[in-house]
Protein backbone atom coordinates (compact mmCIF):
# COMPACT_ATOMS: atom_id res chain seq x y z
CA MET A 1 121.90 90.10 86.88
CA SER A 2 121.65 88.62 83.41
CA ASN A 3 124.15 89.52 80.67
CA ARG A 4 121.50 91.57 78.88
CA LYS A 5 121.43 94.11 81.64
CA ALA A 6 117.87 95.22 82.36
CA THR A 7 117.64 98.84 83.38
CA PHE A 8 114.19 98.58 84.87
CA PHE A 9 113.97 102.11 86.18
CA TYR A 10 112.12 101.57 89.41
CA SER A 11 113.88 98.31 90.28
CA PHE A 12 116.89 100.33 91.38
CA LEU A 13 114.75 102.24 93.85
CA ILE A 14 113.31 99.01 95.19
CA ALA A 15 116.76 97.48 95.43
CA VAL A 16 118.06 100.48 97.36
CA ALA A 17 115.07 100.58 99.67
CA SER A 18 115.29 96.87 100.36
CA LEU A 19 118.83 97.31 101.72
CA ALA A 20 117.51 99.63 104.39
CA ALA A 21 114.07 98.37 105.27
CA GLY A 22 113.02 95.52 102.98
CA MET A 23 110.72 95.64 100.00
CA VAL A 24 108.61 98.80 99.86
CA ILE A 25 105.00 98.01 99.04
CA ALA A 26 102.83 100.98 98.25
CA SER A 27 99.44 99.83 97.01
CA ARG A 28 97.80 101.19 100.13
CA LEU A 29 99.77 104.33 100.97
CA ASP A 30 99.31 108.06 100.51
CA LEU A 31 95.58 108.26 101.14
CA THR A 32 93.99 111.45 99.86
CA PRO A 33 92.53 113.95 102.34
CA ALA A 34 88.75 114.26 102.41
CA SER A 35 88.98 117.78 101.03
CA PHE A 36 90.05 116.27 97.69
CA ALA A 37 87.04 113.96 97.30
CA ARG A 38 86.39 114.79 93.65
CA THR A 39 86.14 111.78 91.36
CA VAL A 40 88.87 111.71 88.75
CA ASN A 41 87.65 112.07 85.17
CA ILE A 42 88.92 108.94 83.39
CA PRO A 43 89.30 109.62 79.65
CA ALA A 44 87.10 107.46 77.43
CA THR A 45 88.84 104.77 75.38
CA ASN A 46 88.69 105.07 71.60
CA SER A 47 88.43 101.50 70.26
CA ALA A 48 87.84 102.45 66.63
CA PRO A 49 90.12 100.56 64.21
CA LEU A 50 93.58 102.05 63.73
CA ASP A 51 93.64 102.64 60.00
CA GLY A 52 94.14 105.39 57.47
CA PRO A 53 97.20 106.76 55.64
CA LEU A 54 100.35 108.24 57.17
CA ASP A 55 101.86 111.34 55.58
CA ALA A 56 104.69 113.79 56.19
CA SER A 57 102.66 115.75 58.75
CA THR A 58 101.26 112.83 60.80
CA PHE A 59 103.88 112.78 63.55
CA ARG A 60 104.29 116.55 63.56
CA ASN A 61 100.55 116.90 64.20
CA ILE A 62 100.68 114.34 67.04
CA ALA A 63 103.59 116.15 68.68
CA SER A 64 101.89 119.54 68.30
CA SER A 65 98.59 118.39 69.81
CA GLN A 66 99.95 116.14 72.56
CA ASN A 67 103.02 118.01 73.83
CA PRO A 68 100.82 120.20 76.07
CA VAL A 69 99.51 117.03 77.74
CA VAL A 70 102.99 115.85 78.81
CA VAL A 71 104.70 117.13 81.95
CA SER A 72 108.18 116.91 83.42
CA ILE A 73 108.42 115.83 87.06
CA ARG A 74 111.19 116.68 89.50
CA THR A 75 111.34 115.03 92.92
CA ARG A 76 113.41 115.37 96.06
CA THR A 77 113.96 112.53 98.49
CA GLU A 78 115.39 112.98 101.98
CA ARG A 79 118.29 110.70 102.84
CA ARG A 80 120.94 110.07 105.46
CA SER A 81 124.42 108.64 105.13
CA GLY A 82 124.67 104.89 105.66
CA ARG A 83 121.23 104.31 104.17
CA GLY A 84 120.41 103.16 100.64
CA GLY A 85 121.76 105.58 98.04
CA GLY A 86 123.45 107.80 100.60
CA ASP A 87 126.95 107.59 99.13
CA GLY A 88 126.37 108.82 95.62
CA GLY A 89 125.21 105.37 94.55
CA LEU A 90 122.20 104.02 92.71
CA LEU A 91 119.78 106.86 93.42
CA GLU A 92 122.19 109.45 92.10
CA GLU A 93 123.47 107.27 89.28
CA PHE A 94 120.09 106.52 87.73
CA PHE A 95 117.96 109.51 88.77
CA GLN A 96 120.49 112.34 88.70
CA MET A 97 119.38 115.65 87.29
CA PRO A 98 121.67 117.40 84.74
CA GLY A 99 124.51 119.31 86.35
CA GLN A 100 124.31 117.50 89.69
CA PRO A 101 127.82 116.31 90.75
CA ARG A 102 128.31 112.56 91.10
CA GLY A 103 129.89 110.35 93.67
CA ARG A 104 130.41 112.70 96.63
CA GLN A 105 131.42 110.71 99.68
CA ALA A 106 129.29 111.87 102.59
CA PRO A 107 130.59 112.07 106.14
CA PRO A 108 129.21 109.17 108.20
CA GLN A 109 125.99 109.65 110.15
CA GLN A 110 125.22 113.04 108.62
CA GLN A 111 122.16 114.40 106.90
CA LEU A 112 122.84 114.45 103.15
CA PRO A 113 121.38 116.89 100.65
CA PRO A 114 118.10 115.59 99.20
CA ALA A 115 118.50 113.24 96.26
CA GLU A 116 116.97 114.71 93.14
CA GLY A 117 115.14 112.55 90.64
CA GLY A 118 113.12 113.11 87.54
CA GLY A 119 110.63 111.62 85.19
CA SER A 120 107.63 112.39 83.05
CA GLY A 121 103.86 112.18 83.25
CA PHE A 122 100.70 113.22 81.45
CA VAL A 123 97.54 115.08 82.44
CA ILE A 124 94.32 113.04 82.51
CA ASP A 125 92.02 115.53 84.25
CA LYS A 126 91.83 119.34 84.18
CA ALA A 127 91.53 119.25 87.97
CA GLY A 128 95.27 118.57 87.98
CA TYR A 129 95.43 114.77 88.02
CA ILE A 130 98.55 113.37 86.35
CA LEU A 131 99.56 109.78 85.64
CA THR A 132 103.18 108.71 86.01
CA ASN A 133 105.25 105.74 87.21
CA ASN A 134 105.34 104.71 90.85
CA HIS A 135 109.13 104.63 90.76
CA VAL A 136 109.23 108.30 89.72
CA VAL A 137 107.50 109.56 92.89
CA GLU A 138 108.05 106.74 95.40
CA ASN A 139 109.49 108.06 98.70
CA ALA A 140 109.55 111.63 97.36
CA SER A 141 109.44 114.33 100.02
CA SER A 142 108.49 116.97 97.45
CA ILE A 143 107.22 116.90 93.86
CA GLU A 144 107.41 119.66 91.28
CA VAL A 145 105.59 119.49 87.95
CA PHE A 146 106.68 121.48 84.90
CA LEU A 147 104.11 121.99 82.18
CA TYR A 148 104.86 122.34 78.47
CA GLY A 149 106.91 125.51 77.98
CA MET A 150 108.29 125.56 81.53
CA ASP A 151 112.02 124.89 81.99
CA PRO A 152 112.91 122.51 84.86
CA ASN A 153 116.62 123.13 84.23
CA GLY A 154 116.37 126.89 84.70
CA LEU A 155 115.59 129.09 87.69
CA GLU A 156 111.83 128.73 87.27
CA SER A 157 110.02 126.75 89.97
CA GLY A 158 107.53 124.09 89.04
CA LEU A 159 104.00 123.60 90.28
CA SER A 160 103.81 121.66 93.53
CA ALA A 161 102.03 118.30 93.53
CA LYS A 162 101.19 115.46 95.89
CA VAL A 163 100.76 111.72 95.54
CA VAL A 164 97.15 110.56 95.50
CA GLY A 165 97.71 106.83 95.04
CA ARG A 166 100.46 104.41 93.99
CA ASP A 167 100.57 100.83 92.81
CA VAL A 168 103.77 98.76 92.74
CA LEU A 169 102.29 95.92 90.73
CA THR A 170 101.76 98.08 87.62
CA ASP A 171 104.39 100.71 88.54
CA SER A 172 101.66 103.34 88.34
CA ALA A 173 101.04 106.50 90.34
CA LEU A 174 98.39 109.20 90.29
CA ILE A 175 99.51 112.63 91.48
CA GLN A 176 97.58 115.88 91.72
CA LEU A 177 98.69 119.47 91.40
CA THR A 178 98.25 121.40 94.64
CA GLU A 179 99.16 124.57 92.79
CA MET A 180 97.17 125.16 89.61
CA PRO A 181 98.37 127.07 86.53
CA GLU A 182 96.63 130.22 85.29
CA THR A 183 95.55 128.59 82.02
CA PRO A 184 93.43 125.42 81.75
CA LEU A 185 95.24 122.10 81.48
CA THR A 186 95.08 119.95 78.36
CA GLU A 187 93.88 116.37 78.96
CA ALA A 188 95.18 113.21 77.33
CA LYS A 189 93.03 110.95 75.19
CA PHE A 190 93.11 107.17 75.70
CA GLY A 191 93.44 104.64 72.90
CA ASP A 192 92.82 100.91 73.13
CA SER A 193 96.09 99.14 73.92
CA ASP A 194 94.47 95.77 73.16
CA GLN A 195 94.41 96.79 69.48
CA LEU A 196 98.19 97.13 69.24
CA GLY A 197 100.25 94.63 67.29
CA PRO A 198 103.85 94.32 66.12
CA GLY A 199 104.64 96.88 63.43
CA ASP A 200 102.18 99.55 64.59
CA TRP A 201 103.65 103.06 64.67
CA VAL A 202 103.96 104.68 68.10
CA MET A 203 105.42 107.89 69.55
CA ALA A 204 106.99 108.45 72.97
CA ILE A 205 107.11 111.88 74.60
CA GLY A 206 109.04 112.62 77.79
CA SER A 207 112.03 114.26 79.42
CA PRO A 208 115.04 111.98 78.90
CA PHE A 209 118.13 113.29 80.71
CA GLY A 210 116.20 116.49 81.45
CA PHE A 211 115.46 117.36 77.82
CA THR A 212 111.77 118.20 78.17
CA ASN A 213 109.13 117.21 75.62
CA THR A 214 111.50 115.03 73.61
CA VAL A 215 109.64 113.22 70.83
CA THR A 216 110.77 109.80 69.58
CA VAL A 217 109.06 107.57 67.05
CA GLY A 218 109.21 103.81 66.42
CA VAL A 219 107.05 100.76 66.13
CA VAL A 220 105.54 98.25 68.50
CA SER A 221 108.10 95.43 68.61
CA ALA A 222 105.92 92.99 70.58
CA VAL A 223 102.92 92.91 72.90
CA GLY A 224 102.27 90.85 76.02
CA ARG A 225 105.98 90.75 76.77
CA THR A 226 106.88 89.27 80.18
CA ASP A 227 110.26 88.55 81.71
CA ALA A 228 111.74 87.99 85.15
CA ASP A 229 113.70 91.25 84.81
CA LEU A 230 110.43 93.13 84.21
CA ARG A 231 108.60 91.97 87.32
CA PRO A 232 107.67 94.83 89.67
CA VAL A 233 106.80 92.24 92.34
CA PRO A 234 108.61 88.88 92.68
CA GLY A 235 106.64 86.02 91.19
CA ARG A 236 104.13 88.25 89.38
CA ASP A 237 104.46 88.98 85.70
CA LEU A 238 103.31 92.25 84.15
CA GLU A 239 102.51 92.13 80.45
CA MET A 240 104.29 94.96 78.63
CA ILE A 241 104.30 96.62 75.23
CA GLN A 242 107.79 96.41 73.72
CA THR A 243 108.82 99.26 71.40
CA ASP A 244 111.90 100.51 69.60
CA ALA A 245 110.86 104.15 70.02
CA ALA A 246 113.82 105.58 71.95
CA ILE A 247 113.19 105.54 75.72
CA ASN A 248 115.84 106.68 78.19
CA ARG A 249 116.15 107.72 81.83
CA GLY A 250 113.66 110.50 82.39
CA ASN A 251 111.09 109.07 79.95
CA SER A 252 109.61 107.13 82.86
CA GLY A 253 105.92 107.88 83.27
CA GLY A 254 105.52 109.59 79.90
CA PRO A 255 102.95 108.48 77.33
CA LEU A 256 103.31 106.05 74.45
CA LEU A 257 100.93 107.31 71.75
CA ASN A 258 99.30 105.70 68.72
CA VAL A 259 98.98 107.39 65.32
CA ARG A 260 95.83 109.19 66.49
CA GLY A 261 97.76 110.79 69.35
CA GLU A 262 95.99 108.64 71.96
CA VAL A 263 97.81 107.21 74.97
CA VAL A 264 98.22 103.44 74.61
CA GLY A 265 100.94 102.90 77.21
CA VAL A 266 102.97 104.39 80.05
CA ASN A 267 106.71 104.25 79.34
CA THR A 268 108.36 102.37 82.17
CA ALA A 269 111.51 100.37 81.43
CA ILE A 270 114.39 99.72 79.09
CA ILE A 271 116.87 96.96 78.51
CA SER A 272 120.22 98.63 78.13
CA ASP A 273 123.93 98.13 77.72
CA ARG A 274 126.40 99.23 80.37
CA SER A 275 125.99 102.88 79.43
CA GLY A 276 122.40 102.87 80.64
CA GLY A 277 121.22 104.30 77.32
CA ASN A 278 118.65 103.24 74.77
CA ILE A 279 119.43 100.30 72.48
CA GLY A 280 115.98 100.05 70.93
CA ILE A 281 114.29 97.82 73.51
CA GLY A 282 111.85 99.76 75.66
CA PHE A 283 108.73 98.76 77.55
CA ALA A 284 105.44 100.44 78.39
CA VAL A 285 102.59 99.34 80.65
CA PRO A 286 99.43 99.05 78.51
CA ILE A 287 97.00 101.88 79.22
CA ASN A 288 94.12 99.39 79.48
CA THR A 289 95.92 97.82 82.45
CA VAL A 290 96.39 101.18 84.13
CA LYS A 291 92.84 102.33 83.39
CA GLU A 292 91.44 99.36 85.34
CA ILE A 293 93.05 100.61 88.55
CA LEU A 294 92.53 104.37 88.16
CA THR A 295 89.53 104.42 90.48
CA GLY A 296 91.60 102.60 93.10
CA LEU A 297 94.51 104.99 92.63
CA ARG A 298 92.12 107.90 93.09
CA GLY A 299 90.94 106.40 96.38
CA GLY A 300 94.51 105.80 97.55
CA LYS A 301 94.27 102.01 97.55
CA VAL A 302 94.16 99.47 94.73
CA VAL A 303 92.17 96.44 95.88
CA ARG A 304 92.85 93.08 94.24
CA GLY A 305 91.76 89.52 94.85
CA ARG A 306 93.79 86.40 95.64
CA ILE A 307 93.12 82.72 96.23
CA GLY A 308 96.48 81.70 97.66
CA VAL A 309 98.12 79.64 94.93
CA PHE A 310 101.21 79.70 92.77
CA VAL A 311 100.75 78.84 89.10
CA SER A 312 103.30 77.43 86.68
CA ASN A 313 104.39 79.40 83.64
CA GLN A 314 105.42 76.25 81.76
CA PRO A 315 103.72 76.33 78.31
CA ILE A 316 101.20 73.55 77.73
CA SER A 317 101.06 72.30 74.13
CA ALA A 318 98.06 70.84 72.32
CA ALA A 319 99.65 67.39 72.67
CA ASP A 320 100.04 67.94 76.42
CA LEU A 321 96.37 68.85 76.69
CA ARG A 322 95.41 65.56 75.03
CA ASP A 323 97.84 63.51 77.12
CA LEU A 324 96.62 65.03 80.38
CA GLY A 325 92.90 64.85 79.57
CA LEU A 326 92.47 68.62 79.45
CA PRO A 327 90.15 70.66 77.21
CA SER A 328 91.58 72.09 74.01
CA THR A 329 90.98 75.62 75.33
CA GLY A 330 93.96 75.24 77.69
CA ALA A 331 94.56 75.26 81.44
CA ALA A 332 96.62 76.72 84.28
CA LEU A 333 98.66 74.34 86.43
CA ILE A 334 98.56 74.93 90.19
CA SER A 335 102.12 74.40 91.37
CA GLN A 336 101.58 75.19 95.05
CA VAL A 337 98.67 75.90 97.41
CA ASN A 338 99.16 78.10 100.45
CA ALA A 339 98.09 76.39 103.64
CA LYS A 340 94.76 77.68 105.01
CA GLY A 341 94.38 80.07 102.08
CA PRO A 342 91.13 80.41 100.10
CA ALA A 343 92.10 77.74 97.55
CA ASP A 344 93.22 75.31 100.25
CA LEU A 345 89.95 75.77 102.14
CA ALA A 346 88.05 75.19 98.89
CA GLY A 347 89.86 71.89 98.29
CA VAL A 348 92.27 72.92 95.53
CA LYS A 349 95.37 70.72 95.39
CA SER A 350 98.86 71.16 94.00
CA GLY A 351 98.87 69.54 90.55
CA ASP A 352 95.29 70.55 89.72
CA PHE A 353 94.71 72.08 86.31
CA VAL A 354 92.29 75.03 86.39
CA VAL A 355 90.24 75.03 83.17
CA GLU A 356 87.43 77.46 84.09
CA TYR A 357 87.11 80.42 86.45
CA ASN A 358 83.63 81.73 87.16
CA GLY A 359 82.38 80.07 83.98
CA LYS A 360 85.10 81.52 81.75
CA PRO A 361 87.76 79.32 80.13
CA VAL A 362 91.32 79.57 81.44
CA SER A 363 93.82 79.06 78.63
CA LYS A 364 97.07 79.85 80.47
CA SER A 365 98.43 80.80 83.87
CA ASP A 366 98.25 84.56 83.23
CA ASP A 367 94.52 84.24 82.51
CA LEU A 368 93.89 82.80 85.96
CA THR A 369 96.08 85.41 87.66
CA ASN A 370 94.34 88.29 85.88
CA MET A 371 90.86 86.93 86.55
CA VAL A 372 91.53 86.45 90.24
CA THR A 373 93.16 89.83 90.84
CA ARG A 374 90.25 91.58 89.14
CA THR A 375 87.67 89.88 91.36
CA ALA A 376 86.38 91.77 94.41
CA PRO A 377 87.36 90.23 97.76
CA GLY A 378 84.49 88.32 99.38
CA THR A 379 83.15 87.04 96.04
CA LYS A 380 82.39 83.30 95.85
CA VAL A 381 83.62 81.92 92.52
CA PRO A 382 83.18 78.45 90.96
CA LEU A 383 86.51 76.95 89.95
CA LYS A 384 86.54 74.03 87.53
CA VAL A 385 89.66 71.88 87.78
CA VAL A 386 90.92 68.65 86.29
CA ARG A 387 92.56 66.31 88.78
CA GLY A 388 94.01 63.02 87.60
CA GLY A 389 92.13 63.42 84.32
CA LYS A 390 88.75 63.90 86.03
CA PRO A 391 86.81 67.21 86.14
CA LEU A 392 85.85 68.68 89.50
CA THR A 393 84.07 71.94 90.43
CA LEU A 394 85.06 73.76 93.63
CA THR A 395 83.88 77.03 95.14
CA VAL A 396 86.53 79.46 96.33
CA THR A 397 85.97 82.68 98.28
CA ILE A 398 88.24 85.47 97.07
CA GLU A 399 90.23 87.35 99.70
CA GLU A 400 92.17 90.60 99.43
CA LEU A 401 95.69 90.52 98.03
CA ASP A 402 98.28 91.89 100.43
CA LEU A 403 101.38 92.54 98.32
CA ALA A 404 103.58 93.19 101.34
CA THR A 405 102.88 89.76 102.79
CA GLU A 406 103.17 88.08 99.41
CA VAL A 407 106.60 89.57 98.72
CA GLU A 408 107.86 88.47 102.13
CA THR A 409 106.67 84.88 101.68
CA ALA A 410 107.91 84.73 98.08
CA GLY A 411 111.44 85.55 99.16
CA GLY A 412 114.31 83.10 99.41
CA ASP A 413 114.47 79.70 97.83
CA GLU A 414 116.60 78.04 100.48
CA ARG A 415 116.07 74.32 100.85
CA PRO A 416 117.20 72.07 103.69
CA GLU A 417 120.44 70.25 103.06
CA VAL A 418 120.02 66.49 103.15
CA THR A 419 122.69 63.95 104.04
CA PRO A 420 121.11 60.61 103.02
CA GLU A 421 122.61 57.28 103.89
CA PRO A 422 125.08 56.14 101.22
CA GLU A 423 123.49 54.27 98.31
CA ALA A 424 124.00 54.40 94.56
CA PRO A 425 121.55 56.96 93.10
CA THR A 426 119.24 55.88 90.28
CA GLU A 427 119.33 57.89 87.05
CA ILE A 428 115.82 58.61 85.73
CA GLY A 429 116.58 60.48 82.50
CA LEU A 430 115.34 64.00 83.29
CA GLY A 431 118.69 65.24 84.47
CA LEU A 432 117.87 63.82 87.88
CA SER A 433 119.17 61.00 89.98
CA ILE A 434 117.08 59.74 92.88
CA GLU A 435 117.46 57.48 95.91
CA PRO A 436 115.16 55.87 98.48
CA ILE A 437 113.73 57.86 101.38
CA THR A 438 115.67 56.87 104.48
CA PRO A 439 114.21 57.25 108.00
CA ALA A 440 116.74 60.02 108.66
CA ALA A 441 115.72 61.92 105.52
CA ALA A 442 112.02 61.50 106.34
CA ARG A 443 112.58 63.07 109.77
CA GLN A 444 114.84 65.83 108.50
CA LEU A 445 112.53 66.81 105.63
CA ARG A 446 109.34 66.39 107.69
CA ILE A 447 107.76 64.27 104.97
CA PRO A 448 104.07 63.44 105.62
CA GLN A 449 103.74 59.91 106.94
CA GLY A 450 103.20 57.29 104.28
CA ARG A 451 103.98 59.58 101.37
CA GLY A 452 106.90 59.93 98.97
CA GLY A 453 108.62 57.70 96.48
CA ALA A 454 112.17 59.02 96.30
CA VAL A 455 114.53 61.85 97.21
CA VAL A 456 116.39 63.83 94.54
CA ALA A 457 120.07 63.05 95.06
CA ASN A 458 121.61 65.08 92.24
CA VAL A 459 120.60 67.50 89.48
CA ASP A 460 122.56 67.67 86.23
CA PRO A 461 123.54 71.35 85.88
CA SER A 462 123.39 71.10 82.07
CA SER A 463 119.87 69.63 81.99
CA ALA A 464 116.38 71.13 81.86
CA ALA A 465 115.94 70.09 85.48
CA ARG A 466 118.39 72.74 86.64
CA GLY A 467 116.50 75.46 88.49
CA LEU A 468 113.36 73.34 88.69
CA PHE A 469 114.59 70.68 91.10
CA ALA A 470 117.16 70.63 93.89
CA ARG A 471 118.86 68.03 96.01
CA GLY A 472 116.48 67.13 98.82
CA ASP A 473 113.23 67.46 96.85
CA VAL A 474 110.94 64.53 97.65
CA ILE A 475 109.00 63.10 94.69
CA LEU A 476 105.40 62.41 95.75
CA ALA A 477 103.56 61.89 92.46
CA ILE A 478 103.94 61.71 88.68
CA ASN A 479 101.12 63.28 86.64
CA GLY A 480 98.82 63.15 89.64
CA VAL A 481 99.48 59.49 90.51
CA ALA A 482 101.13 58.91 93.89
CA VAL A 483 104.42 57.02 93.94
CA THR A 484 105.87 55.08 96.87
CA SER A 485 109.25 53.81 95.67
CA VAL A 486 112.22 54.55 93.45
CA ASP A 487 111.05 51.82 91.07
CA GLU A 488 107.60 53.40 90.70
CA VAL A 489 109.10 56.81 89.97
CA ALA A 490 111.45 55.37 87.34
CA LYS A 491 108.69 53.26 85.75
CA ARG A 492 106.21 56.12 85.36
CA LEU A 493 108.84 58.47 83.98
CA SER A 494 110.14 55.92 81.50
CA SER A 495 106.62 55.24 80.19
CA ALA A 496 106.04 58.91 79.32
CA ARG A 497 106.55 59.71 75.65
CA ALA A 498 109.45 61.89 74.55
CA GLY A 499 108.47 65.55 74.35
CA SER A 500 105.54 65.21 76.74
CA LEU A 501 104.94 67.48 79.72
CA ILE A 502 105.39 65.65 83.02
CA VAL A 503 104.01 67.15 86.23
CA VAL A 504 106.09 66.02 89.17
CA GLY A 505 104.59 66.45 92.62
CA VAL A 506 107.30 67.22 95.17
CA TRP A 507 107.60 67.93 98.87
CA ARG A 508 109.75 71.02 99.38
CA GLU A 509 110.24 73.35 102.34
CA GLY A 510 107.38 71.74 104.25
CA ALA A 511 104.84 72.15 101.46
CA GLU A 512 103.59 70.21 98.46
CA GLN A 513 104.41 71.69 95.06
CA SER A 514 103.97 70.65 91.43
CA VAL A 515 106.88 71.06 89.04
CA PRO A 516 106.28 70.72 85.27
CA ILE A 517 109.16 69.47 83.13
CA ARG A 518 109.26 68.36 79.52
CA LYS A 519 110.79 64.95 78.78
CA ARG A 520 113.58 65.17 76.24
């Protein structure tokens, strides 16, 4: 883990579960019985401009009106010794309720007491529908909900609830009360998270460390924040709202509110020091992102599209766009195409730049990912790409995204070890040294016949190439032009201007990939 330890609440659950049975994927679990066929009432989004004065009563009024919307959630999860979290480990450490003893060593092969966890949520429908985080209720054998004024730390029992639908990709879950209160529930109001910008005031309400309906206030620190430590699913970024409103364990699933008291985010994660406490860097999933999948959550399954490609997150500058013959609106670089996937069948190649999707411009990789996942499976979509500086339009048929399969195939990054015949490697100035492709290397790496210009012999660990290339990568092309020798590779790289983006086509793990690197 990185030095800036990321306490991404649900990642600990996933890590524990993966030790026992691999990655848990839940976008299609917990289907709702037919007797609960009512359509969930999705609150309307208020997109009016956020303006007007703040005064001494602003935050008090928000807390007074919105506290009844927020709930505290207590879960129990069955466990056995020898399985993830069964020895007083991560589950107890990060989801322990107040007063629960830590670190009890369980006898081997015995049934352990249920692990207790907690979090927050908020009511979106008077029929008892509540939004929270997936990691709050994942694997729970029982769920209790405590409304405003109820004490989860006392002897009072909460209202029982069940999971209706969960989604790992956005860390979202929809639960429903199976035991209704005597008085009507208060529903949340939705704001427009797309309106948020750095400096906007926000309020978080939740149950950190079991302290119910705790109110904290801060500002939006950044929007559209992505990071490897914040990925619910490997290889897939989730854009987050960053805030300095205090968020701690137990705030998970609670609302982030704007100055009108409208929900603009679902509090989900923190970056923390070793104590696991708040240091002013918290994250919330934008409510607009969650709202898009609410209908799917209500049906028990969130359906998304895929085309079977990996895209590069390397930024493309205006100068790069000119150099590569791309439109000024931007592009997304296809780094790898899955064999026999929709994109492969449509003729998409590694190294293609996607500039339009279904007639809409693609300015960066996240644009393409979001557009594809929001497209219904079975839809035929025109895809405009630039290949070797020339535009080309292809038609791709969207298929359904299976997160379980994607996580399995996106796993390890092991590469075959190559023992080439001795020869002095050639330095090419990117932190790489290369050598000719020997017959032995061609057989060992299963390089397509007649392709390849050189094999990566060494990678300078202090260079930008570290993490992008590895010994044994076969260089096939430079900026879309095939290369057949060490001399050709060196010549094309040396002719590129300093600071330019170079797209290197490589053969790796039996597949063609495109790796972008900027020349120093």
